[in-house]
Amino acid sequence: MMNLMKINNINAVIKYDPEIEMFRGEFVELNGGADFYAKDIESLKKEGAISLKVFLDACKKRNIEPKKKYSGRFNVRVPSNLHANIASVAMAEGKSLNQWIVDTLEHATHI
């Protein structure tokens, strides 16, 4: 189960906090903290939209880029036997190792 919610095309991770008996959302693509709480999903969506608007307005006022920048590069360490299996599957599909991984990650994260 993926605990993601899109609000105005920005992803937020959703978790339930049993101590306060509320859902907590946190935008993960932003340069700063913008979280929100509610007891039910519909209220969470409304609170998320408000929180996002406040954050974006503050960024605009201060001339700050609101979204995090990602380089598009990251290193992954895998066991050598998995590396060999992935390379074999990629080759069998006529793809480079990098393209096979990109395709697989795109498929796995299709939200």
C-alpha atoms as a PDB file:
ATOM      1  CA  MET A   1       0.000   0.000   0.000  1.00  0.00           C
ATOM      2  CA  MET A   2       1.399   3.359  -1.008  1.00  0.00           C
ATOM      3  CA  ASN A   3       0.723   6.146   1.454  1.00  0.00           C
ATOM      4  CA  LEU A   4       0.980   8.980  -1.041  1.00  0.00           C
ATOM      5  CA  MET A   5      -1.518  11.706  -1.777  1.00  0.00           C
ATOM      6  CA  LYS A   6      -1.222  14.232  -4.596  1.00  0.00           C
ATOM      7  CA  ILE A   7      -2.379  17.715  -3.742  1.00  0.00           C
ATOM      8  CA  ASN A   8      -2.148  20.249  -6.568  1.00  0.00           C
ATOM      9  CA  ASN A   9       0.308  17.909  -8.303  1.00  0.00           C
ATOM     10  CA  ILE A  10       2.690  17.769  -5.297  1.00  0.00           C
ATOM     11  CA  ASN A  11       3.256  14.447  -3.488  1.00  0.00           C
ATOM     12  CA  ALA A  12       2.631  14.145   0.224  1.00  0.00           C
ATOM     13  CA  VAL A  13       3.437  11.119   2.383  1.00  0.00           C
ATOM     14  CA  ILE A  14       0.526  10.196   4.654  1.00  0.00           C
ATOM     15  CA  LYS A  15       0.901   8.464   8.018  1.00  0.00           C
ATOM     16  CA  TYR A  16      -1.473   7.800  10.866  1.00  0.00           C
ATOM     17  CA  ASP A  17      -0.383   9.009  14.304  1.00  0.00           C
ATOM     18  CA  PRO A  18      -2.128   6.870  16.938  1.00  0.00           C
ATOM     19  CA  GLU A  19      -1.007   9.144  19.794  1.00  0.00           C
ATOM     20  CA  ILE A  20      -3.100  12.040  18.527  1.00  0.00           C
ATOM     21  CA  GLU A  21      -5.516   9.877  16.514  1.00  0.00           C
ATOM     22  CA  MET A  22      -4.984  11.898  13.351  1.00  0.00           C
ATOM     23  CA  PHE A  23      -3.561  11.489   9.895  1.00  0.00           C
ATOM     24  CA  ARG A  24      -0.412  13.497   9.170  1.00  0.00           C
ATOM     25  CA  GLY A  25       0.624  14.556   5.700  1.00  0.00           C
ATOM     26  CA  GLU A  26       4.048  15.853   4.771  1.00  0.00           C
ATOM     27  CA  PHE A  27       4.983  17.244   1.372  1.00  0.00           C
ATOM     28  CA  VAL A  28       8.202  15.571   0.282  1.00  0.00           C
ATOM     29  CA  GLU A  29       9.095  17.501  -2.877  1.00  0.00           C
ATOM     30  CA  LEU A  30       9.408  20.898  -1.203  1.00  0.00           C
ATOM     31  CA  ASN A  31      12.445  22.832   0.034  1.00  0.00           C
ATOM     32  CA  GLY A  32      10.977  23.234   3.500  1.00  0.00           C
ATOM     33  CA  GLY A  33       8.533  21.793   5.940  1.00  0.00           C
ATOM     34  CA  ALA A  34       4.878  21.892   5.041  1.00  0.00           C
ATOM     35  CA  ASP A  35       2.851  19.363   6.969  1.00  0.00           C
ATOM     36  CA  PHE A  36      -0.836  19.056   7.818  1.00  0.00           C
ATOM     37  CA  TYR A  37      -3.143  17.034  10.063  1.00  0.00           C
ATOM     38  CA  ALA A  38      -6.757  15.850  10.034  1.00  0.00           C
ATOM     39  CA  LYS A  39      -9.007  13.130  11.416  1.00  0.00           C
ATOM     40  CA  ASP A  40     -10.332  11.946   8.029  1.00  0.00           C
ATOM     41  CA  ILE A  41      -9.153  11.834   4.433  1.00  0.00           C
ATOM     42  CA  GLU A  42     -11.415  14.549   3.037  1.00  0.00           C
ATOM     43  CA  SER A  43     -10.332  16.949   5.784  1.00  0.00           C
ATOM     44  CA  LEU A  44      -6.722  15.924   5.173  1.00  0.00           C
ATOM     45  CA  LYS A  45      -7.033  16.922   1.510  1.00  0.00           C
ATOM     46  CA  LYS A  46      -8.464  20.318   2.498  1.00  0.00           C
ATOM     47  CA  GLU A  47      -5.794  20.925   5.147  1.00  0.00           C
ATOM     48  CA  GLY A  48      -3.101  19.847   2.686  1.00  0.00           C
ATOM     49  CA  ALA A  49      -4.294  22.350   0.092  1.00  0.00           C
ATOM     50  CA  ILE A  50      -4.245  25.120   2.698  1.00  0.00           C
ATOM     51  CA  SER A  51      -0.786  24.165   3.966  1.00  0.00           C
ATOM     52  CA  LEU A  52       0.595  23.995   0.428  1.00  0.00           C
ATOM     53  CA  LYS A  53      -0.874  27.384  -0.497  1.00  0.00           C
ATOM     54  CA  VAL A  54       0.628  29.020   2.613  1.00  0.00           C
ATOM     55  CA  PHE A  55       4.027  27.466   1.841  1.00  0.00           C
ATOM     56  CA  LEU A  56       3.970  28.471  -1.849  1.00  0.00           C
ATOM     57  CA  ASP A  57       2.820  32.011  -1.024  1.00  0.00           C
ATOM     58  CA  ALA A  58       5.657  32.393   1.510  1.00  0.00           C
ATOM     59  CA  CYS A  59       8.194  31.154  -1.061  1.00  0.00           C
ATOM     60  CA  LYS A  60       6.870  33.559  -3.687  1.00  0.00           C
ATOM     61  CA  LYS A  61       6.995  36.474  -1.240  1.00  0.00           C
ATOM     62  CA  ARG A  62      10.645  35.658  -0.382  1.00  0.00           C
ATOM     63  CA  ASN A  63      11.582  34.780  -3.984  1.00  0.00           C
ATOM     64  CA  ILE A  64      12.546  31.207  -2.980  1.00  0.00           C
ATOM     65  CA  GLU A  65      12.227  28.180  -5.263  1.00  0.00           C
ATOM     66  CA  PRO A  66       9.650  25.979  -3.469  1.00  0.00           C
ATOM     67  CA  LYS A  67      10.587  22.604  -4.988  1.00  0.00           C
ATOM     68  CA  LYS A  68      13.674  20.554  -4.189  1.00  0.00           C
ATOM     69  CA  LYS A  69      16.117  20.050  -7.045  1.00  0.00           C
ATOM     70  CA  TYR A  70      17.102  16.482  -7.865  1.00  0.00           C
ATOM     71  CA  SER A  71      20.197  15.702  -9.946  1.00  0.00           C
ATOM     72  CA  GLY A  72      18.749  12.576 -11.537  1.00  0.00           C
ATOM     73  CA  ARG A  73      21.666  10.525 -10.257  1.00  0.00           C
ATOM     74  CA  PHE A  74      21.936   8.182  -7.278  1.00  0.00           C
ATOM     75  CA  ASN A  75      24.029   5.153  -6.409  1.00  0.00           C
ATOM     76  CA  VAL A  76      22.487   1.839  -5.471  1.00  0.00           C
ATOM     77  CA  ARG A  77      24.412  -1.041  -3.959  1.00  0.00           C
ATOM     78  CA  VAL A  78      23.042  -4.524  -4.626  1.00  0.00           C
ATOM     79  CA  PRO A  79      24.409  -8.014  -4.060  1.00  0.00           C
ATOM     80  CA  SER A  80      26.598  -9.193  -6.963  1.00  0.00           C
ATOM     81  CA  ASN A  81      24.224 -12.040  -7.857  1.00  0.00           C
ATOM     82  CA  LEU A  82      21.310  -9.571  -8.138  1.00  0.00           C
ATOM     83  CA  HIS A  83      23.469  -7.282 -10.286  1.00  0.00           C
ATOM     84  CA  ALA A  84      24.194 -10.215 -12.598  1.00  0.00           C
ATOM     85  CA  ASN A  85      20.498 -11.156 -12.793  1.00  0.00           C
ATOM     86  CA  ILE A  86      19.455  -7.576 -13.554  1.00  0.00           C
ATOM     87  CA  ALA A  87      22.112  -7.272 -16.257  1.00  0.00           C
ATOM     88  CA  SER A  88      20.923 -10.535 -17.830  1.00  0.00           C
ATOM     89  CA  VAL A  89      17.271  -9.476 -17.827  1.00  0.00           C
ATOM     90  CA  ALA A  90      18.146  -6.055 -19.271  1.00  0.00           C
ATOM     91  CA  MET A  91      20.190  -7.645 -22.042  1.00  0.00           C
ATOM     92  CA  ALA A  92      17.408 -10.135 -22.790  1.00  0.00           C
ATOM     93  CA  GLU A  93      15.001  -7.200 -23.192  1.00  0.00           C
ATOM     94  CA  GLY A  94      17.457  -5.391 -25.463  1.00  0.00           C
ATOM     95  CA  LYS A  95      18.013  -2.567 -22.976  1.00  0.00           C
ATOM     96  CA  SER A  96      20.985  -1.071 -21.247  1.00  0.00           C
ATOM     97  CA  LEU A  97      21.188  -1.721 -17.522  1.00  0.00           C
ATOM     98  CA  ASN A  98      20.403   1.933 -16.866  1.00  0.00           C
ATOM     99  CA  GLN A  99      17.351   1.974 -19.171  1.00  0.00           C
ATOM    100  CA  TRP A 100      15.999  -1.240 -17.666  1.00  0.00           C
ATOM    101  CA  ILE A 101      16.298   0.222 -14.163  1.00  0.00           C
ATOM    102  CA  VAL A 102      14.656   3.506 -15.237  1.00  0.00           C
ATOM    103  CA  ASP A 103      11.777   1.608 -16.862  1.00  0.00           C
ATOM    104  CA  THR A 104      11.358  -0.631 -13.804  1.00  0.00           C
ATOM    105  CA  LEU A 105      11.389   2.306 -11.385  1.00  0.00           C
ATOM    106  CA  GLU A 106       8.895   4.244 -13.523  1.00  0.00           C
ATOM    107  CA  HIS A 107       6.580   1.238 -13.505  1.00  0.00           C
ATOM    108  CA  ALA A 108       6.960   0.741  -9.743  1.00  0.00           C
ATOM    109  CA  THR A 109       6.298   4.403  -8.915  1.00  0.00           C
ATOM    110  CA  HIS A 110       3.438   5.067 -11.316  1.00  0.00           C
ATOM    111  CA  ILE A 111       1.193   7.220  -9.140  1.00  0.00           C
END
